[in-house]
Amino acid sequence: MSSTSSVPDHNQGRPHRLTFAVWRNPLARPADRLQAFSLLLAAAIWLIGLPVAAVTGTLIWSDLSATAQDQQHSRTMTTAVLLADAPHFVFTEQGVAISDDVPASARWSAPDGTPRTGTVTTKNGGLAGQEVTLWIDPAGTATDPPTSTAAAAALTVLVAAGIWLAWGALLFVFWSGLRCRLNRQRSSEWDRRWEQVEPLWTHR
């Protein structure tokens, strides 16, 4: 007769009830109380991490919003003229078209009027002499569009929430490891106790 079939583990199937009632349960073992306490402690630490994530988000927002405002004030939109026909598609090494946006040679003017030439991104099939819109920095170099305030805010929320959720996941991993160790300890304890009482029941 195995210990698993003879002496069921009362902790299985009711972990939530055990968490809040284990201290009133006369059958609860030290390992049960340690598991319940560790779960409550992990939940409390996770909740404490919420204001920490909020403060981190505030610091991130300060940097991102400042960067976004700087880009919005320093980057300007201008018109570039294609110097050559743009390719129809960008292809992979296997010959598969992957994008309608293609690089093309173009000419434009810097904010101080100095002429600039370089590669810009435009829609496929553009013809030489066609005008395309372009974002440039104060030096007249082609650059990405400025980050909007809404995009900076959304990124701040995602980063702050990601930090808090990652902290919760880390706590859950540690708690799960502790629970597995306690389960092994409880199983060993059942086996040890069953070895003591089985001879009395079976008269061996």
C-alpha atoms as a PDB file:
ATOM      1  CA  MET A   1       0.000   0.000   0.000  1.00  0.00           C
ATOM      2  CA  SER A   2       1.480   3.362  -1.008  1.00  0.00           C
ATOM      3  CA  SER A   3       1.441   6.470   1.105  1.00  0.00           C
ATOM      4  CA  THR A   4      -0.182   8.447  -1.705  1.00  0.00           C
ATOM      5  CA  SER A   5      -3.366   6.369  -1.762  1.00  0.00           C
ATOM      6  CA  SER A   6      -3.597   5.849   1.980  1.00  0.00           C
ATOM      7  CA  VAL A   7      -2.957   9.311   3.347  1.00  0.00           C
ATOM      8  CA  PRO A   8      -4.196  12.084   1.050  1.00  0.00           C
ATOM      9  CA  ASP A   9      -2.616  15.530   1.157  1.00  0.00           C
ATOM     10  CA  HIS A  10      -5.270  17.883   2.553  1.00  0.00           C
ATOM     11  CA  ASN A  11      -3.545  20.869   0.911  1.00  0.00           C
ATOM     12  CA  GLN A  12      -4.424  19.760  -2.612  1.00  0.00           C
ATOM     13  CA  GLY A  13      -7.420  21.466  -4.236  1.00  0.00           C
ATOM     14  CA  ARG A  14      -7.844  24.279  -1.714  1.00  0.00           C
ATOM     15  CA  PRO A  15      -4.752  26.522  -1.710  1.00  0.00           C
ATOM     16  CA  HIS A  16      -6.748  29.756  -1.372  1.00  0.00           C
ATOM     17  CA  ARG A  17      -8.761  28.542   1.601  1.00  0.00           C
ATOM     18  CA  LEU A  18      -5.559  27.270   3.185  1.00  0.00           C
ATOM     19  CA  THR A  19      -3.906  30.637   2.725  1.00  0.00           C
ATOM     20  CA  PHE A  20      -6.407  32.477   4.914  1.00  0.00           C
ATOM     21  CA  ALA A  21      -7.494  29.728   7.335  1.00  0.00           C
ATOM     22  CA  VAL A  22      -4.266  27.811   7.936  1.00  0.00           C
ATOM     23  CA  TRP A  23      -3.563  29.505  11.259  1.00  0.00           C
ATOM     24  CA  ARG A  24      -6.962  28.346  12.592  1.00  0.00           C
ATOM     25  CA  ASN A  25      -6.537  24.817  11.281  1.00  0.00           C
ATOM     26  CA  PRO A  26      -5.257  22.437  13.981  1.00  0.00           C
ATOM     27  CA  LEU A  27      -4.081  20.029  11.262  1.00  0.00           C
ATOM     28  CA  ALA A  28      -1.888  22.619   9.568  1.00  0.00           C
ATOM     29  CA  ARG A  29       1.801  21.831   9.604  1.00  0.00           C
ATOM     30  CA  PRO A  30       4.683  24.320   9.822  1.00  0.00           C
ATOM     31  CA  ALA A  31       5.253  23.879   6.096  1.00  0.00           C
ATOM     32  CA  ASP A  32       1.593  24.797   5.452  1.00  0.00           C
ATOM     33  CA  ARG A  33       1.890  27.960   7.511  1.00  0.00           C
ATOM     34  CA  LEU A  34       5.170  28.871   5.820  1.00  0.00           C
ATOM     35  CA  GLN A  35       3.578  28.458   2.385  1.00  0.00           C
ATOM     36  CA  ALA A  36       0.582  30.605   3.333  1.00  0.00           C
ATOM     37  CA  PHE A  37       2.766  33.278   4.913  1.00  0.00           C
ATOM     38  CA  SER A  38       5.111  33.369   1.901  1.00  0.00           C
ATOM     39  CA  LEU A  39       2.158  33.824  -0.458  1.00  0.00           C
ATOM     40  CA  LEU A  40       0.784  36.748   1.545  1.00  0.00           C
ATOM     41  CA  LEU A  41       4.267  38.245   1.808  1.00  0.00           C
ATOM     42  CA  ALA A  42       4.840  37.942  -1.948  1.00  0.00           C
ATOM     43  CA  ALA A  43       1.488  39.609  -2.646  1.00  0.00           C
ATOM     44  CA  ALA A  44       2.312  42.442  -0.238  1.00  0.00           C
ATOM     45  CA  ILE A  45       5.748  42.987  -1.798  1.00  0.00           C
ATOM     46  CA  TRP A  46       4.151  43.014  -5.256  1.00  0.00           C
ATOM     47  CA  LEU A  47       1.671  45.687  -4.175  1.00  0.00           C
ATOM     48  CA  ILE A  48       4.484  47.706  -2.626  1.00  0.00           C
ATOM     49  CA  GLY A  49       6.161  47.573  -6.027  1.00  0.00           C
ATOM     50  CA  LEU A  50       3.251  49.477  -7.588  1.00  0.00           C
ATOM     51  CA  PRO A  51       4.253  52.921  -6.259  1.00  0.00           C
ATOM     52  CA  VAL A  52       7.862  52.106  -7.125  1.00  0.00           C
ATOM     53  CA  ALA A  53       6.809  51.403 -10.709  1.00  0.00           C
ATOM     54  CA  ALA A  54       4.792  54.638 -10.680  1.00  0.00           C
ATOM     55  CA  VAL A  55       7.838  56.641  -9.560  1.00  0.00           C
ATOM     56  CA  THR A  56       9.935  54.937 -12.224  1.00  0.00           C
ATOM     57  CA  GLY A  57       7.284  55.799 -14.803  1.00  0.00           C
ATOM     58  CA  THR A  58       7.393  59.431 -13.680  1.00  0.00           C
ATOM     59  CA  LEU A  59      11.155  59.561 -14.207  1.00  0.00           C
ATOM     60  CA  ILE A  60      10.848  57.870 -17.593  1.00  0.00           C
ATOM     61  CA  TRP A  61       8.070  60.286 -18.602  1.00  0.00           C
ATOM     62  CA  SER A  62      10.255  63.225 -17.677  1.00  0.00           C
ATOM     63  CA  ASP A  63      12.996  62.047 -20.025  1.00  0.00           C
ATOM     64  CA  LEU A  64      10.708  60.916 -22.850  1.00  0.00           C
ATOM     65  CA  SER A  65       8.549  64.017 -22.791  1.00  0.00           C
ATOM     66  CA  ALA A  66      11.634  66.261 -22.820  1.00  0.00           C
ATOM     67  CA  THR A  67      13.041  64.289 -25.760  1.00  0.00           C
ATOM     68  CA  ALA A  68       9.724  64.451 -27.613  1.00  0.00           C
ATOM     69  CA  GLN A  69       9.416  68.204 -27.100  1.00  0.00           C
ATOM     70  CA  ASP A  70      13.005  68.734 -28.217  1.00  0.00           C
ATOM     71  CA  GLN A  71      12.395  66.704 -31.379  1.00  0.00           C
ATOM     72  CA  GLN A  72       9.142  68.540 -32.090  1.00  0.00           C
ATOM     73  CA  HIS A  73      10.895  71.903 -31.862  1.00  0.00           C
ATOM     74  CA  SER A  74      14.148  70.972 -33.629  1.00  0.00           C
ATOM     75  CA  ARG A  75      12.946  68.750 -36.465  1.00  0.00           C
ATOM     76  CA  THR A  76      11.190  70.283 -39.438  1.00  0.00           C
ATOM     77  CA  MET A  77       9.350  68.908 -42.420  1.00  0.00           C
ATOM     78  CA  THR A  78      10.613  69.878 -45.849  1.00  0.00           C
ATOM     79  CA  THR A  79      10.264  68.800 -49.462  1.00  0.00           C
ATOM     80  CA  ALA A  80      12.854  66.683 -51.248  1.00  0.00           C
ATOM     81  CA  VAL A  81      13.119  66.050 -54.976  1.00  0.00           C
ATOM     82  CA  LEU A  82      13.961  62.561 -56.209  1.00  0.00           C
ATOM     83  CA  LEU A  83      17.128  62.480 -58.308  1.00  0.00           C
ATOM     84  CA  ALA A  84      16.391  59.049 -59.757  1.00  0.00           C
ATOM     85  CA  ASP A  85      13.464  56.707 -60.144  1.00  0.00           C
ATOM     86  CA  ALA A  86      12.695  54.798 -56.953  1.00  0.00           C
ATOM     87  CA  PRO A  87      12.700  50.985 -57.052  1.00  0.00           C
ATOM     88  CA  HIS A  88       9.337  49.313 -57.291  1.00  0.00           C
ATOM     89  CA  PHE A  89       9.891  47.051 -54.259  1.00  0.00           C
ATOM     90  CA  VAL A  90      12.479  46.003 -51.704  1.00  0.00           C
ATOM     91  CA  PHE A  91      13.201  42.308 -52.124  1.00  0.00           C
ATOM     92  CA  THR A  92      14.665  39.653 -49.855  1.00  0.00           C
ATOM     93  CA  GLU A  93      17.500  37.392 -50.996  1.00  0.00           C
ATOM     94  CA  GLN A  94      14.815  34.934 -52.078  1.00  0.00           C
ATOM     95  CA  GLY A  95      13.217  37.560 -54.312  1.00  0.00           C
ATOM     96  CA  VAL A  96      10.157  38.199 -52.136  1.00  0.00           C
ATOM     97  CA  ALA A  97       8.851  41.776 -51.894  1.00  0.00           C
ATOM     98  CA  ILE A  98       8.884  42.867 -48.265  1.00  0.00           C
ATOM     99  CA  SER A  99       8.027  46.585 -48.293  1.00  0.00           C
ATOM    100  CA  ASP A 100       6.316  49.302 -50.321  1.00  0.00           C
ATOM    101  CA  ASP A 101       8.705  51.864 -48.773  1.00  0.00           C
ATOM    102  CA  VAL A 102      11.939  51.981 -50.735  1.00  0.00           C
ATOM    103  CA  PRO A 103      15.166  54.020 -50.576  1.00  0.00           C
ATOM    104  CA  ALA A 104      15.811  56.613 -53.254  1.00  0.00           C
ATOM    105  CA  SER A 105      18.367  59.341 -53.945  1.00  0.00           C
ATOM    106  CA  ALA A 106      17.014  62.866 -53.396  1.00  0.00           C
ATOM    107  CA  ARG A 107      17.975  66.529 -52.993  1.00  0.00           C
ATOM    108  CA  TRP A 108      16.644  69.002 -50.416  1.00  0.00           C
ATOM    109  CA  SER A 109      17.651  72.158 -48.552  1.00  0.00           C
ATOM    110  CA  ALA A 110      18.840  72.494 -44.949  1.00  0.00           C
ATOM    111  CA  PRO A 111      17.116  75.049 -42.680  1.00  0.00           C
ATOM    112  CA  ASP A 112      19.821  77.584 -43.570  1.00  0.00           C
ATOM    113  CA  GLY A 113      19.263  77.015 -47.300  1.00  0.00           C
ATOM    114  CA  THR A 114      22.336  74.848 -47.879  1.00  0.00           C
ATOM    115  CA  PRO A 115      21.631  72.127 -50.463  1.00  0.00           C
ATOM    116  CA  ARG A 116      21.746  68.539 -49.256  1.00  0.00           C
ATOM    117  CA  THR A 117      21.662  65.220 -51.082  1.00  0.00           C
ATOM    118  CA  GLY A 118      21.189  61.759 -49.677  1.00  0.00           C
ATOM    119  CA  THR A 119      18.960  58.746 -49.475  1.00  0.00           C
ATOM    120  CA  VAL A 120      15.343  59.108 -48.420  1.00  0.00           C
ATOM    121  CA  THR A 121      12.518  56.642 -47.951  1.00  0.00           C
ATOM    122  CA  THR A 122       9.585  56.972 -50.297  1.00  0.00           C
ATOM    123  CA  LYS A 123       6.789  54.900 -51.780  1.00  0.00           C
ATOM    124  CA  ASN A 124       7.727  52.428 -54.477  1.00  0.00           C
ATOM    125  CA  GLY A 125       7.605  53.512 -58.080  1.00  0.00           C
ATOM    126  CA  GLY A 126       8.480  57.178 -57.497  1.00  0.00           C
ATOM    127  CA  LEU A 127       9.899  58.969 -60.544  1.00  0.00           C
ATOM    128  CA  ALA A 128      12.857  61.307 -60.838  1.00  0.00           C
ATOM    129  CA  GLY A 129      11.780  64.898 -60.198  1.00  0.00           C
ATOM    130  CA  GLN A 130       8.890  63.855 -57.963  1.00  0.00           C
ATOM    131  CA  GLU A 131       8.596  65.700 -54.643  1.00  0.00           C
ATOM    132  CA  VAL A 132       8.417  63.801 -51.369  1.00  0.00           C
ATOM    133  CA  THR A 133       8.066  65.019 -47.776  1.00  0.00           C
ATOM    134  CA  LEU A 134      11.060  64.656 -45.493  1.00  0.00           C
ATOM    135  CA  TRP A 135      11.911  65.340 -41.844  1.00  0.00           C
ATOM    136  CA  ILE A 136      15.310  66.954 -41.192  1.00  0.00           C
ATOM    137  CA  ASP A 137      17.271  67.948 -38.074  1.00  0.00           C
ATOM    138  CA  PRO A 138      18.822  71.402 -37.496  1.00  0.00           C
ATOM    139  CA  ALA A 139      21.898  70.357 -39.527  1.00  0.00           C
ATOM    140  CA  GLY A 140      19.712  69.436 -42.492  1.00  0.00           C
ATOM    141  CA  THR A 141      20.259  65.672 -42.148  1.00  0.00           C
ATOM    142  CA  ALA A 142      17.329  63.402 -42.990  1.00  0.00           C
ATOM    143  CA  THR A 143      15.873  61.910 -39.815  1.00  0.00           C
ATOM    144  CA  ASP A 144      12.802  60.180 -38.401  1.00  0.00           C
ATOM    145  CA  PRO A 145       9.608  62.110 -37.592  1.00  0.00           C
ATOM    146  CA  PRO A 146       9.570  63.599 -34.086  1.00  0.00           C
ATOM    147  CA  THR A 147       8.075  61.522 -31.290  1.00  0.00           C
ATOM    148  CA  SER A 148       4.604  62.727 -30.398  1.00  0.00           C
ATOM    149  CA  THR A 149       3.595  63.477 -26.816  1.00  0.00           C
ATOM    150  CA  ALA A 150       0.936  60.757 -26.992  1.00  0.00           C
ATOM    151  CA  ALA A 151       3.510  58.191 -28.132  1.00  0.00           C
ATOM    152  CA  ALA A 152       5.836  59.194 -25.292  1.00  0.00           C
ATOM    153  CA  ALA A 153       2.983  58.833 -22.781  1.00  0.00           C
ATOM    154  CA  ALA A 154       1.986  55.420 -24.145  1.00  0.00           C
ATOM    155  CA  LEU A 155       5.586  54.200 -23.998  1.00  0.00           C
ATOM    156  CA  THR A 156       5.870  55.437 -20.403  1.00  0.00           C
ATOM    157  CA  VAL A 157       2.758  53.505 -19.354  1.00  0.00           C
ATOM    158  CA  LEU A 158       3.956  50.351 -21.109  1.00  0.00           C
ATOM    159  CA  VAL A 159       7.387  50.500 -19.496  1.00  0.00           C
ATOM    160  CA  ALA A 160       6.032  51.193 -15.997  1.00  0.00           C
ATOM    161  CA  ALA A 161       3.418  48.444 -16.294  1.00  0.00           C
ATOM    162  CA  GLY A 162       6.017  46.074 -17.698  1.00  0.00           C
ATOM    163  CA  ILE A 163       8.326  46.706 -14.740  1.00  0.00           C
ATOM    164  CA  TRP A 164       5.522  46.024 -12.246  1.00  0.00           C
ATOM    165  CA  LEU A 165       4.365  42.872 -14.018  1.00  0.00           C
ATOM    166  CA  ALA A 166       7.928  41.610 -14.383  1.00  0.00           C
ATOM    167  CA  TRP A 167       8.441  42.159 -10.645  1.00  0.00           C
ATOM    168  CA  GLY A 168       5.274  40.172  -9.963  1.00  0.00           C
ATOM    169  CA  ALA A 169       6.417  37.372 -12.268  1.00  0.00           C
ATOM    170  CA  LEU A 170       9.775  37.206 -10.475  1.00  0.00           C
ATOM    171  CA  LEU A 171       8.059  36.967  -7.091  1.00  0.00           C
ATOM    172  CA  PHE A 172       5.753  34.233  -8.409  1.00  0.00           C
ATOM    173  CA  VAL A 173       8.734  32.228  -9.662  1.00  0.00           C
ATOM    174  CA  PHE A 174      10.412  32.423  -6.259  1.00  0.00           C
ATOM    175  CA  TRP A 175       7.168  31.517  -4.471  1.00  0.00           C
ATOM    176  CA  SER A 176       6.536  28.597  -6.840  1.00  0.00           C
ATOM    177  CA  GLY A 177      10.023  27.294  -6.147  1.00  0.00           C
ATOM    178  CA  LEU A 178       9.401  27.516  -2.409  1.00  0.00           C
ATOM    179  CA  ARG A 179       6.051  25.755  -2.785  1.00  0.00           C
ATOM    180  CA  CYS A 180       7.638  22.893  -4.758  1.00  0.00           C
ATOM    181  CA  ARG A 181      10.257  22.498  -2.062  1.00  0.00           C
ATOM    182  CA  LEU A 182       7.606  22.474   0.653  1.00  0.00           C
ATOM    183  CA  ASN A 183       5.565  19.913  -1.308  1.00  0.00           C
ATOM    184  CA  ARG A 184       8.594  17.620  -1.423  1.00  0.00           C
ATOM    185  CA  GLN A 185       9.106  18.154   2.289  1.00  0.00           C
ATOM    186  CA  ARG A 186       5.457  17.292   3.020  1.00  0.00           C
ATOM    187  CA  SER A 187       5.634  14.212   0.823  1.00  0.00           C
ATOM    188  CA  SER A 188       8.766  13.011   2.610  1.00  0.00           C
ATOM    189  CA  GLU A 189       7.078  13.613   5.958  1.00  0.00           C
ATOM    190  CA  TRP A 190       4.040  11.547   4.897  1.00  0.00           C
ATOM    191  CA  ASP A 191       6.302   8.707   3.779  1.00  0.00           C
ATOM    192  CA  ARG A 192       8.234   8.787   7.038  1.00  0.00           C
ATOM    193  CA  ARG A 193       5.074   8.754   9.157  1.00  0.00           C
ATOM    194  CA  TRP A 194       3.499   6.017   7.058  1.00  0.00           C
ATOM    195  CA  GLU A 195       6.547   3.826   7.618  1.00  0.00           C
ATOM    196  CA  GLN A 196       5.911   4.221  11.321  1.00  0.00           C
ATOM    197  CA  VAL A 197       2.184   3.362  11.335  1.00  0.00           C
ATOM    198  CA  GLU A 198       1.937   0.835   8.484  1.00  0.00           C
ATOM    199  CA  PRO A 199       3.377  -2.070  10.538  1.00  0.00           C
ATOM    200  CA  LEU A 200       0.768  -1.426  13.234  1.00  0.00           C
ATOM    201  CA  TRP A 201      -2.072  -1.548  10.688  1.00  0.00           C
ATOM    202  CA  THR A 202      -0.798  -4.510   8.709  1.00  0.00           C
ATOM    203  CA  HIS A 203       0.670  -6.417  11.735  1.00  0.00           C
ATOM    204  CA  ARG A 204       4.024  -6.785   9.981  1.00  0.00           C
END
